[in-house]
Amino acid sequence: MSRAELARATGLSRAATSLIAEELLKDGIVMELPPQSVGRGRSATPLAVRADSYYALAVDLARKSCSVGLCDMSGHLLQFRAFPDQDGLLDLIIEALRRMAQSVDKSKILGIGISSPGPLDCEGGKILNPPQFDRWHGVEISAILSQALDLPAYLEHDVCALALHQLEMGHSRNFMLVFVDIGIGAAIMSGGELVGNSRYFTGEVGHTTIRFDGRQCACGASGRLVVFQLAGACRQRRAKPRGAAAGLSGGAVSVGRSD
């Protein structure tokens, strides 16, 4: 995008946009591309983010596995490691992150992004008590990784992180994303902003009470939707003939409108 296009997109004046662009150019965060002719008058000079200006480490925690990666400013995945669920998993994650951090200029690493099933205390960086996620219950994952790598670490609900990715891909600015796995999570994007926040039970559709005298959930409350979901899944597995695939697989669907 040129400076003029950025000004129109952000609502800033052309003068303010040019000043900000010059600062970003000076800091090596953006770069100028070859001028492009857009009709009469001066050719426009597009700006683009320098992919190698900064980096980010990423950790995706799941129930049966864990993924660790290193990304650049363009969102390209430069390095990737995956681990099955096992004892000593946290130590493996830390070691993998250290090796990845050593492969680039550490002063350019912005931090560590962590996604996990909820419920979470994202502000406190703590995994609370997601169903069938006992290994991570009560783990202050942000503090542990931040101390081990000497980098800031941020925890986010996996469904919210997925919704932010969908927004970044440009599919829509207004949609609801529902993810069904062992639990049920949701995120609502309105005007390019997440509705509410991901602290505690926000977006935890599975923790909606649908029957007050129902079975007790792992969170301590009774009649949560996730309890009936798990019971139904178990009955379905028992009904399958021997030898049939019996894994519980997750999936996501987003519903929205084009902008």
Protein backbone atom coordinates (compact mmCIF):
# COMPACT_ATOMS: atom_id res chain seq x y z
CA MET A 1 0.00 0.00 0.00
CA SER A 2 1.17 3.52 -0.76
CA ARG A 3 1.19 6.33 1.80
CA ALA A 4 -1.99 7.75 0.25
CA GLU A 5 -3.75 4.37 0.47
CA LEU A 6 -2.65 3.98 4.08
CA ALA A 7 -4.03 7.42 4.89
CA ARG A 8 -7.40 6.52 3.40
CA ALA A 9 -7.52 3.14 5.14
CA THR A 10 -6.59 4.49 8.59
CA GLY A 11 -8.34 7.84 8.48
CA LEU A 12 -5.08 9.64 9.30
CA SER A 13 -3.93 12.69 7.42
CA ARG A 14 -1.40 12.20 4.63
CA ALA A 15 1.14 14.22 6.64
CA ALA A 16 0.73 11.98 9.72
CA THR A 17 0.90 8.85 7.59
CA SER A 18 4.10 10.04 5.91
CA LEU A 19 5.75 10.84 9.26
CA ILE A 20 4.88 7.40 10.64
CA ALA A 21 6.08 5.74 7.43
CA GLU A 22 9.40 7.55 7.62
CA GLU A 23 9.92 6.36 11.21
CA LEU A 24 9.15 2.77 10.23
CA LEU A 25 11.51 3.01 7.27
CA LYS A 26 14.25 4.38 9.50
CA ASP A 27 13.76 1.53 11.97
CA GLY A 28 13.87 -1.06 9.19
CA ILE A 29 10.34 -2.33 9.86
CA VAL A 30 8.98 -1.47 6.42
CA MET A 31 10.60 -0.99 3.01
CA GLU A 32 9.74 0.80 -0.21
CA LEU A 33 8.87 -1.22 -3.30
CA PRO A 34 9.43 -0.04 -6.90
CA PRO A 35 7.09 2.84 -7.84
CA GLN A 36 3.86 1.92 -9.60
CA SER A 37 2.05 4.03 -12.16
CA VAL A 38 -1.56 4.68 -11.15
CA GLY A 39 -2.59 7.01 -13.97
CA ARG A 40 -1.76 10.66 -14.27
CA GLY A 41 0.60 12.37 -11.85
CA ARG A 42 3.35 10.94 -9.69
CA SER A 43 3.84 7.22 -9.47
CA ALA A 44 2.87 5.72 -6.12
CA THR A 45 5.58 4.08 -4.02
CA PRO A 46 4.13 1.05 -2.17
CA LEU A 47 5.33 0.15 1.31
CA ALA A 48 5.71 -3.40 2.58
CA VAL A 49 6.65 -4.96 5.90
CA ARG A 50 10.19 -6.32 6.09
CA ALA A 51 9.73 -9.98 6.94
CA ASP A 52 13.05 -10.19 8.81
CA SER A 53 12.54 -7.04 10.90
CA TYR A 54 11.12 -8.97 13.85
CA TYR A 55 10.18 -12.52 14.81
CA ALA A 56 7.80 -14.31 17.17
CA LEU A 57 7.86 -17.70 18.85
CA ALA A 58 4.65 -19.71 18.96
CA VAL A 59 3.31 -22.58 21.07
CA ASP A 60 0.04 -24.39 20.31
CA LEU A 61 -1.10 -26.71 23.08
CA ALA A 62 -3.59 -29.44 22.20
CA ARG A 63 -4.87 -32.49 24.01
CA LYS A 64 -2.86 -35.08 22.10
CA SER A 65 0.08 -33.00 20.90
CA CYS A 66 1.93 -29.72 21.01
CA SER A 67 3.38 -27.58 18.19
CA VAL A 68 6.20 -25.05 18.47
CA GLY A 69 7.24 -22.60 15.77
CA LEU A 70 9.17 -19.50 14.76
CA CYS A 71 7.48 -16.91 12.53
CA ASP A 72 8.63 -13.72 10.84
CA MET A 73 6.75 -10.43 10.53
CA SER A 74 4.99 -11.61 7.38
CA GLY A 75 3.56 -14.58 9.23
CA HIS A 76 5.76 -17.10 7.45
CA LEU A 77 6.53 -20.19 9.50
CA LEU A 78 10.33 -20.48 9.47
CA GLN A 79 10.74 -23.40 11.85
CA PHE A 80 8.36 -26.00 13.24
CA ARG A 81 8.44 -28.85 15.77
CA ALA A 82 5.62 -31.11 16.90
CA PHE A 83 5.53 -33.34 19.99
CA PRO A 84 3.00 -35.97 21.01
CA ASP A 85 1.58 -35.71 24.52
CA GLN A 86 4.12 -37.25 26.89
CA ASP A 87 5.86 -36.86 30.23
CA GLY A 88 8.37 -34.02 30.32
CA LEU A 89 6.53 -32.17 27.56
CA LEU A 90 7.12 -28.74 29.09
CA ASP A 91 10.90 -29.28 29.09
CA LEU A 92 10.77 -30.33 25.42
CA ILE A 93 8.84 -27.16 24.56
CA ILE A 94 11.36 -24.94 26.36
CA GLU A 95 14.33 -26.63 24.68
CA ALA A 96 12.74 -26.34 21.22
CA LEU A 97 11.99 -22.64 21.80
CA ARG A 98 15.58 -22.02 22.92
CA ARG A 99 17.00 -23.64 19.78
CA MET A 100 14.71 -21.60 17.56
CA ALA A 101 15.57 -18.38 19.38
CA GLN A 102 19.26 -19.07 18.86
CA SER A 103 18.78 -19.26 15.08
CA VAL A 104 17.93 -15.53 14.79
CA ASP A 105 18.90 -12.26 16.45
CA LYS A 106 17.18 -12.60 19.82
CA SER A 107 16.83 -8.83 20.16
CA LYS A 108 14.39 -9.06 17.23
CA ILE A 109 12.11 -11.62 18.91
CA LEU A 110 8.98 -9.82 20.10
CA GLY A 111 7.81 -12.57 22.41
CA ILE A 112 6.06 -15.92 22.73
CA GLY A 113 2.44 -16.48 21.72
CA ILE A 114 0.68 -19.42 23.37
CA SER A 115 -2.69 -20.87 22.37
CA SER A 116 -4.56 -23.41 24.46
CA PRO A 117 -8.04 -24.85 24.98
CA GLY A 118 -9.98 -23.04 27.68
CA PRO A 119 -11.06 -22.10 30.25
CA LEU A 120 -8.02 -19.84 30.70
CA ASP A 121 -6.92 -16.87 32.73
CA CYS A 122 -5.28 -15.07 29.82
CA GLU A 123 -4.40 -11.98 31.83
CA GLY A 124 -2.64 -14.10 34.42
CA GLY A 125 -1.18 -16.46 31.80
CA LYS A 126 -2.69 -19.49 33.55
CA ILE A 127 -4.46 -22.55 32.15
CA LEU A 128 -7.44 -23.27 34.38
CA ASN A 129 -9.26 -26.59 33.98
CA PRO A 130 -10.07 -27.50 30.35
CA PRO A 131 -11.78 -30.91 30.08
CA GLN A 132 -9.42 -33.85 29.49
CA PHE A 133 -6.41 -31.54 29.77
CA ASP A 134 -5.28 -32.57 33.25
CA ARG A 135 -1.55 -32.28 32.49
CA TRP A 136 -1.92 -28.51 32.12
CA HIS A 137 -4.47 -27.75 34.83
CA GLY A 138 -3.33 -24.81 36.95
CA VAL A 139 -0.09 -24.33 34.99
CA GLU A 140 1.06 -20.69 34.79
CA ILE A 141 2.41 -21.29 31.32
CA SER A 142 3.16 -17.65 30.43
CA ALA A 143 5.32 -17.06 33.50
CA ILE A 144 7.18 -20.36 33.05
CA LEU A 145 8.07 -19.74 29.39
CA SER A 146 8.82 -16.06 29.97
CA GLN A 147 11.27 -16.88 32.74
CA ALA A 148 12.90 -19.71 30.78
CA LEU A 149 13.40 -17.68 27.57
CA ASP A 150 13.68 -14.18 29.06
CA LEU A 151 10.95 -13.01 26.69
CA PRO A 152 7.40 -11.77 27.22
CA ALA A 153 4.81 -14.53 26.80
CA TYR A 154 1.10 -14.16 26.07
CA LEU A 155 -1.64 -16.76 26.49
CA GLU A 156 -4.73 -16.78 24.24
CA HIS A 157 -7.71 -19.08 23.82
CA ASP A 158 -7.14 -21.32 20.80
CA VAL A 159 -10.48 -20.38 19.24
CA CYS A 160 -9.76 -16.65 19.60
CA ALA A 161 -6.33 -17.17 18.06
CA LEU A 162 -7.94 -19.04 15.16
CA ALA A 163 -10.45 -16.22 14.67
CA LEU A 164 -7.64 -13.66 14.58
CA HIS A 165 -5.91 -15.78 11.94
CA GLN A 166 -9.10 -15.86 9.86
CA LEU A 167 -9.27 -12.06 10.12
CA GLU A 168 -5.62 -11.75 9.07
CA MET A 169 -6.32 -13.93 6.03
CA GLY A 170 -8.92 -11.37 4.96
CA HIS A 171 -11.92 -13.70 4.77
CA SER A 172 -14.26 -11.37 6.67
CA ARG A 173 -14.36 -8.77 9.45
CA ASN A 174 -17.70 -9.98 10.80
CA PHE A 175 -18.19 -13.63 11.68
CA MET A 176 -18.66 -16.19 14.43
CA LEU A 177 -16.27 -19.13 14.61
CA VAL A 178 -17.27 -22.29 16.49
CA PHE A 179 -14.74 -25.02 17.28
CA VAL A 180 -15.96 -28.45 18.41
CA ASP A 181 -13.49 -30.90 19.92
CA ILE A 182 -13.49 -32.40 23.41
CA GLY A 183 -14.92 -29.03 24.41
CA ILE A 184 -16.92 -26.42 22.50
CA GLY A 185 -15.51 -22.93 22.02
CA ALA A 186 -16.56 -19.88 20.03
CA ALA A 187 -15.24 -16.47 19.04
CA ILE A 188 -17.18 -13.56 17.54
CA MET A 189 -15.48 -11.02 15.28
CA SER A 190 -17.34 -7.75 14.72
CA GLY A 191 -15.86 -4.99 12.60
CA GLY A 192 -12.45 -6.62 12.83
CA GLU A 193 -12.52 -6.73 16.64
CA LEU A 194 -13.03 -9.69 18.97
CA VAL A 195 -16.26 -9.27 20.93
CA GLY A 196 -15.64 -9.43 24.66
CA ASN A 197 -12.34 -10.92 25.72
CA SER A 198 -10.85 -14.34 26.28
CA ARG A 199 -10.51 -14.08 30.04
CA TYR A 200 -11.88 -17.01 32.03
CA PHE A 201 -15.07 -18.41 30.41
CA THR A 202 -15.62 -15.93 27.57
CA GLY A 203 -16.33 -17.95 24.42
CA GLU A 204 -16.70 -21.19 26.34
CA VAL A 205 -19.94 -22.36 24.74
CA GLY A 206 -19.39 -25.78 26.25
CA HIS A 207 -19.62 -24.25 29.72
CA THR A 208 -23.15 -22.97 29.15
CA THR A 209 -25.53 -24.56 31.66
CA ILE A 210 -28.38 -26.33 29.91
CA ARG A 211 -29.61 -28.48 32.80
CA PHE A 212 -29.18 -27.41 36.41
CA ASP A 213 -29.64 -30.96 37.77
CA GLY A 214 -27.30 -32.50 35.20
CA ARG A 215 -23.99 -34.25 35.69
CA GLN A 216 -21.09 -32.39 37.24
CA CYS A 217 -18.52 -30.84 34.93
CA ALA A 218 -14.77 -30.79 35.59
CA CYS A 219 -15.14 -27.07 36.41
CA GLY A 220 -17.36 -27.99 39.39
CA ALA A 221 -20.69 -26.79 38.00
CA SER A 222 -23.53 -29.06 36.95
CA GLY A 223 -25.33 -29.49 33.65
CA ARG A 224 -22.75 -27.90 31.34
CA LEU A 225 -23.23 -28.50 27.62
CA VAL A 226 -19.80 -30.12 27.31
CA VAL A 227 -20.84 -32.89 29.73
CA PHE A 228 -23.71 -33.92 27.43
CA GLN A 229 -21.43 -33.61 24.38
CA LEU A 230 -18.87 -35.98 25.92
CA ALA A 231 -21.56 -38.44 27.02
CA GLY A 232 -23.02 -38.50 23.50
CA ALA A 233 -19.58 -39.01 21.96
CA CYS A 234 -18.85 -41.94 24.28
CA ARG A 235 -22.17 -43.59 23.42
CA GLN A 236 -21.42 -43.14 19.72
CA ARG A 237 -18.00 -44.75 20.13
CA ARG A 238 -19.48 -47.74 21.99
CA ALA A 239 -22.05 -48.18 19.21
CA LYS A 240 -19.37 -48.48 16.50
CA PRO A 241 -18.49 -52.00 15.33
CA ARG A 242 -15.21 -53.39 16.54
CA GLY A 243 -12.37 -52.31 14.28
CA ALA A 244 -14.05 -49.04 13.26
CA ALA A 245 -12.20 -45.78 13.80
CA ALA A 246 -13.03 -44.53 17.27
CA GLY A 247 -11.08 -41.29 17.57
CA LEU A 248 -12.75 -38.04 18.62
CA SER A 249 -11.79 -35.46 16.01
CA GLY A 250 -12.30 -31.72 16.22
CA GLY A 251 -13.30 -29.18 13.63
CA ALA A 252 -14.10 -25.52 13.18
CA VAL A 253 -16.74 -23.67 11.22
CA SER A 254 -17.14 -19.94 10.75
CA VAL A 255 -20.36 -18.19 9.80
CA GLY A 256 -20.31 -14.56 8.70
CA ARG A 257 -20.89 -12.13 5.90
CA SER A 258 -18.67 -10.68 3.19
CA ASP A 259 -17.43 -7.13 3.73
